[in-house]
Amino acid sequence: MPVNLSIKDVPDDLAERLRQRAARHHRSLQGELMAIVEQASLMESAGPTGPVPAAASGNATAVTLSTRNWTQGWKTVEQLMAERQARGWKPHASLASAPLGVDIIRADRDSR
């Protein structure tokens, strides 16, 4: 069962720095605090052999120190897509000929 944690009497300047950090990472303040706590717990449990690999931990939100698995909520993008496809979702046929975002960005970059 999830546990609610609370930190009382956070100084205004610290709270503002945390809000700014959350904005830089495109997260809510709650999401940023969860990421900080999770990373700290992984570093603590890593011991002398290094961080726990995300795949070995069994946790979709696991973070290693060298890489970050971007997640949507508590699931990876791949997990979300697999769930949608399992429910019968299929992309619209017109999307097959649409350019990929990476191709649009490369074309824009190369045009400069």
Protein backbone atom coordinates (compact mmCIF):
# COMPACT_ATOMS: atom_id res chain seq x y z
CA MET A 1 0.00 0.00 0.00
CA PRO A 2 1.44 3.44 -0.90
CA VAL A 3 2.50 5.71 1.93
CA ASN A 4 1.97 9.47 2.04
CA LEU A 5 5.05 11.40 3.13
CA SER A 6 5.11 15.02 4.20
CA ILE A 7 7.91 17.52 4.70
CA LYS A 8 7.00 20.43 6.94
CA ASP A 9 8.48 23.92 7.19
CA VAL A 10 10.30 23.88 3.84
CA PRO A 11 12.04 27.24 3.38
CA ASP A 12 10.56 29.35 0.56
CA ASP A 13 13.85 29.53 -1.37
CA LEU A 14 14.27 25.74 -1.29
CA ALA A 15 10.67 25.19 -2.37
CA GLU A 16 11.18 27.60 -5.28
CA ARG A 17 14.39 25.86 -6.37
CA LEU A 18 12.54 22.53 -6.31
CA ARG A 19 9.69 24.01 -8.40
CA GLN A 20 12.23 25.31 -10.94
CA ARG A 21 13.97 21.93 -11.06
CA ALA A 22 10.61 20.21 -11.62
CA ALA A 23 9.83 22.62 -14.47
CA ARG A 24 13.23 21.94 -16.09
CA HIS A 25 12.47 18.22 -16.00
CA HIS A 26 8.87 18.73 -17.23
CA ARG A 27 7.43 17.25 -14.05
CA SER A 28 5.06 18.31 -11.33
CA LEU A 29 6.60 19.14 -7.98
CA GLN A 30 5.26 15.82 -6.67
CA GLY A 31 6.84 13.96 -9.60
CA GLU A 32 10.18 15.70 -9.10
CA LEU A 33 10.21 14.90 -5.38
CA MET A 34 9.39 11.26 -6.14
CA ALA A 35 12.27 11.10 -8.66
CA ILE A 36 14.69 12.61 -6.11
CA VAL A 37 13.63 10.19 -3.38
CA GLU A 38 13.77 7.23 -5.76
CA GLN A 39 17.24 8.15 -7.03
CA ALA A 40 18.51 8.62 -3.47
CA SER A 41 17.14 5.22 -2.43
CA LEU A 42 18.75 3.54 -5.45
CA MET A 43 22.10 5.18 -4.71
CA GLU A 44 21.87 4.03 -1.09
CA SER A 45 20.94 0.46 -2.02
CA ALA A 46 23.52 0.28 -4.84
CA GLY A 47 26.44 -0.26 -2.50
CA PRO A 48 29.95 -0.76 -3.87
CA THR A 49 28.86 -2.57 -7.05
CA GLY A 50 26.95 0.36 -8.53
CA PRO A 51 23.31 1.23 -9.14
CA VAL A 52 20.56 -1.32 -9.56
CA PRO A 53 19.78 -1.76 -13.28
CA ALA A 54 16.23 -0.75 -14.21
CA ALA A 55 15.47 -4.14 -15.76
CA ALA A 56 16.71 -6.05 -12.72
CA SER A 57 14.67 -4.04 -10.27
CA GLY A 58 11.33 -4.91 -11.88
CA ASN A 59 10.17 -1.33 -11.36
CA ALA A 60 9.07 0.59 -14.46
CA THR A 61 10.22 3.85 -12.90
CA ALA A 62 13.65 2.63 -11.80
CA VAL A 63 16.45 5.06 -12.49
CA THR A 64 20.10 4.25 -12.89
CA LEU A 65 22.77 6.86 -12.43
CA SER A 66 24.02 6.60 -16.01
CA THR A 67 20.70 6.40 -17.86
CA ARG A 68 17.15 7.54 -17.36
CA ASN A 69 14.09 5.58 -18.47
CA TRP A 70 11.61 8.29 -19.36
CA THR A 71 8.20 7.43 -18.07
CA GLN A 72 4.67 8.63 -18.48
CA GLY A 73 3.20 8.44 -15.02
CA TRP A 74 4.49 5.17 -13.62
CA LYS A 75 4.86 3.32 -16.93
CA THR A 76 7.30 3.57 -19.79
CA VAL A 77 6.09 4.73 -23.20
CA GLU A 78 6.65 1.20 -24.50
CA GLN A 79 4.41 -0.24 -21.76
CA LEU A 80 1.67 2.27 -22.52
CA MET A 81 1.80 1.49 -26.25
CA ALA A 82 1.73 -2.26 -25.57
CA GLU A 83 -1.35 -1.81 -23.38
CA ARG A 84 -3.11 0.24 -26.07
CA GLN A 85 -2.28 -2.31 -28.74
CA ALA A 86 -3.47 -5.15 -26.48
CA ARG A 87 -6.85 -3.37 -26.27
CA GLY A 88 -7.04 -3.37 -30.06
CA TRP A 89 -5.76 0.14 -30.83
CA LYS A 90 -4.23 0.58 -34.25
CA PRO A 91 -2.77 3.80 -35.65
CA HIS A 92 -4.84 5.52 -38.31
CA ALA A 93 -3.74 4.59 -41.84
CA SER A 94 -2.88 8.22 -42.63
CA LEU A 95 -0.13 8.10 -39.99
CA ALA A 96 1.85 5.57 -42.02
CA SER A 97 2.87 8.29 -44.49
CA ALA A 98 3.35 11.02 -41.87
CA PRO A 99 6.94 12.09 -41.19
CA LEU A 100 8.51 11.09 -37.91
CA GLY A 101 9.26 13.82 -35.41
CA VAL A 102 12.97 13.01 -35.57
CA ASP A 103 12.92 13.52 -39.35
CA ILE A 104 11.21 16.91 -38.96
CA ILE A 105 13.80 18.02 -36.41
CA ARG A 106 16.71 16.84 -38.55
CA ALA A 107 15.34 18.60 -41.62
CA ASP A 108 14.93 21.81 -39.64
CA ARG A 109 18.42 21.52 -38.17
CA ASP A 110 19.99 20.77 -41.57
CA SER A 111 18.22 23.71 -43.21
CA ARG A 112 20.18 26.22 -41.07
